[in-house]
């Protein structure tokens, strides 16, 4: 508008030329300042985005590590520390699940409880270290002689339980 009004009121072409050039230079300066400001804002935004991406990656990694730690802690809580096989708490969870499955599908389900006879005598005559070795060996035998779908747990002191889904009792004993 300033250029238009100067153009209308100008009576000298040289004066009009100078005024138009001054106004255009002013506009160019403002456009350059705007571009510079916009570029600065863009660069700052990019830096913030990169910082946020790094934070998200760190949080995702931390989340993965926490999940792994929670799973490890859960496994440790459900494992018998002496024999390394599942404990009674894990057995209770599996029994609940397998009983529900048995009720729903009516497939065979066998449960076997083993009690080591005269185990107290082993501890008394040879000591608790020998008794522990016997328990570990028995646990290894059970786990090595069963399928991946079977579940073996230490039920009590010298008692073990096997859960055998979709298995008739005769086959579980065999």
Foldseek 3Di string as FASTA:
>chain_A
DVLVVCVVPDPDPVVSVVVVVVVVVVVVVVVVVVVVVVVVVVVVVVVVVVVVVVVVVVVVVVVVVVVVVVVVVVQVVQADVLQRFGAQVVVVVVVVVLVVVCVVPVADKDKDKDADPPLVVCCVPPNVVRSSVVQNVVSVVVVVPDDPPKGWYAYDDRMIMIIDTNDDPVRVVD
